[in-house]
């Protein structure tokens, strides 16, 4: 598991814990944990996206 995946999972877990304190804050944290990596990926050029997918596939076989 990559460090980015771990960070996304941690953000979602923190969001779930925050539901006990403040539901809106929890929702904001969960949405940010999902939206930030998605937006960053969408900002890449098509050639950069291909490189990211190729590297990810190579790491799967390790």
C-alpha atoms as a PDB file:
ATOM      1  CA  UNK A   1       0.000   0.000   0.000  1.00  0.00           C
ATOM      2  CA  UNK A   2       1.401   3.393  -0.949  1.00  0.00           C
ATOM      3  CA  UNK A   3       1.826   6.200   1.528  1.00  0.00           C
ATOM      4  CA  UNK A   4      -0.858   8.193  -0.299  1.00  0.00           C
ATOM      5  CA  UNK A   5      -3.334   5.367   0.133  1.00  0.00           C
ATOM      6  CA  UNK A   6      -2.479   5.191   3.819  1.00  0.00           C
ATOM      7  CA  UNK A   7      -3.021   8.946   4.144  1.00  0.00           C
ATOM      8  CA  UNK A   8      -6.394   8.719   2.391  1.00  0.00           C
ATOM      9  CA  UNK A   9      -7.503   5.874   4.645  1.00  0.00           C
ATOM     10  CA  UNK A  10      -6.329   7.812   7.708  1.00  0.00           C
ATOM     11  CA  UNK A  11      -8.330  10.859   6.578  1.00  0.00           C
ATOM     12  CA  UNK A  12     -11.462   8.776   6.208  1.00  0.00           C
ATOM     13  CA  UNK A  13     -10.945   7.138   9.614  1.00  0.00           C
ATOM     14  CA  UNK A  14     -10.444  10.543  11.262  1.00  0.00           C
ATOM     15  CA  UNK A  15     -13.613  11.728   9.539  1.00  0.00           C
ATOM     16  CA  UNK A  16     -15.560   8.786  10.889  1.00  0.00           C
ATOM     17  CA  UNK A  17     -14.285   9.452  14.423  1.00  0.00           C
ATOM     18  CA  UNK A  18     -15.274  13.114  14.088  1.00  0.00           C
ATOM     19  CA  UNK A  19     -18.901  12.124  13.471  1.00  0.00           C
ATOM     20  CA  UNK A  20     -19.260  11.864  17.247  1.00  0.00           C
ATOM     21  CA  UNK A  21     -18.120  15.481  17.651  1.00  0.00           C
ATOM     22  CA  UNK A  22     -19.396  17.360  14.615  1.00  0.00           C
ATOM     23  CA  UNK A  23     -21.034  15.780  11.586  1.00  0.00           C
ATOM     24  CA  UNK A  24     -20.286  18.673   9.216  1.00  0.00           C
ATOM     25  CA  UNK A  25     -16.604  18.711  10.126  1.00  0.00           C
ATOM     26  CA  UNK A  26     -16.450  14.944   9.651  1.00  0.00           C
ATOM     27  CA  UNK A  27     -18.085  15.212   6.248  1.00  0.00           C
ATOM     28  CA  UNK A  28     -15.607  17.910   5.225  1.00  0.00           C
ATOM     29  CA  UNK A  29     -12.617  15.752   6.247  1.00  0.00           C
ATOM     30  CA  UNK A  30     -13.926  12.700   4.400  1.00  0.00           C
ATOM     31  CA  UNK A  31     -14.662  14.695   1.253  1.00  0.00           C
ATOM     32  CA  UNK A  32     -11.209  16.301   1.363  1.00  0.00           C
ATOM     33  CA  UNK A  33      -9.550  12.890   1.759  1.00  0.00           C
ATOM     34  CA  UNK A  34     -11.313  11.722  -1.384  1.00  0.00           C
ATOM     35  CA  UNK A  35     -11.285  14.927  -3.441  1.00  0.00           C
ATOM     36  CA  UNK A  36      -7.658  16.054  -3.104  1.00  0.00           C
ATOM     37  CA  UNK A  37      -6.047  12.984  -4.731  1.00  0.00           C
ATOM     38  CA  UNK A  38      -8.770  12.879  -7.380  1.00  0.00           C
ATOM     39  CA  UNK A  39      -8.279  16.523  -8.320  1.00  0.00           C
ATOM     40  CA  UNK A  40      -4.505  16.103  -8.370  1.00  0.00           C
ATOM     41  CA  UNK A  41      -4.811  13.122 -10.744  1.00  0.00           C
ATOM     42  CA  UNK A  42      -7.239  14.964 -13.023  1.00  0.00           C
ATOM     43  CA  UNK A  43      -4.785  17.881 -13.315  1.00  0.00           C
ATOM     44  CA  UNK A  44      -2.171  15.667 -14.959  1.00  0.00           C
ATOM     45  CA  UNK A  45      -1.653  15.572 -18.724  1.00  0.00           C
ATOM     46  CA  UNK A  46      -2.776  12.394 -20.495  1.00  0.00           C
ATOM     47  CA  UNK A  47       0.874  11.332 -20.906  1.00  0.00           C
ATOM     48  CA  UNK A  48       1.526  11.840 -17.198  1.00  0.00           C
ATOM     49  CA  UNK A  49      -1.573   9.794 -16.341  1.00  0.00           C
ATOM     50  CA  UNK A  50      -0.269   6.959 -18.517  1.00  0.00           C
ATOM     51  CA  UNK A  51       3.043   7.068 -16.654  1.00  0.00           C
ATOM     52  CA  UNK A  52       1.256   6.952 -13.288  1.00  0.00           C
ATOM     53  CA  UNK A  53      -0.851   3.976 -14.376  1.00  0.00           C
ATOM     54  CA  UNK A  54       2.202   2.184 -15.798  1.00  0.00           C
ATOM     55  CA  UNK A  55       4.207   2.647 -12.596  1.00  0.00           C
ATOM     56  CA  UNK A  56       1.249   1.513 -10.494  1.00  0.00           C
ATOM     57  CA  UNK A  57       0.873  -1.657 -12.556  1.00  0.00           C
ATOM     58  CA  UNK A  58       4.576  -2.441 -12.220  1.00  0.00           C
ATOM     59  CA  UNK A  59       4.357  -2.162  -8.429  1.00  0.00           C
ATOM     60  CA  UNK A  60       1.385  -4.531  -8.260  1.00  0.00           C
ATOM     61  CA  UNK A  61       3.579  -7.492  -9.238  1.00  0.00           C
ATOM     62  CA  UNK A  62       6.120  -6.917  -6.476  1.00  0.00           C
END
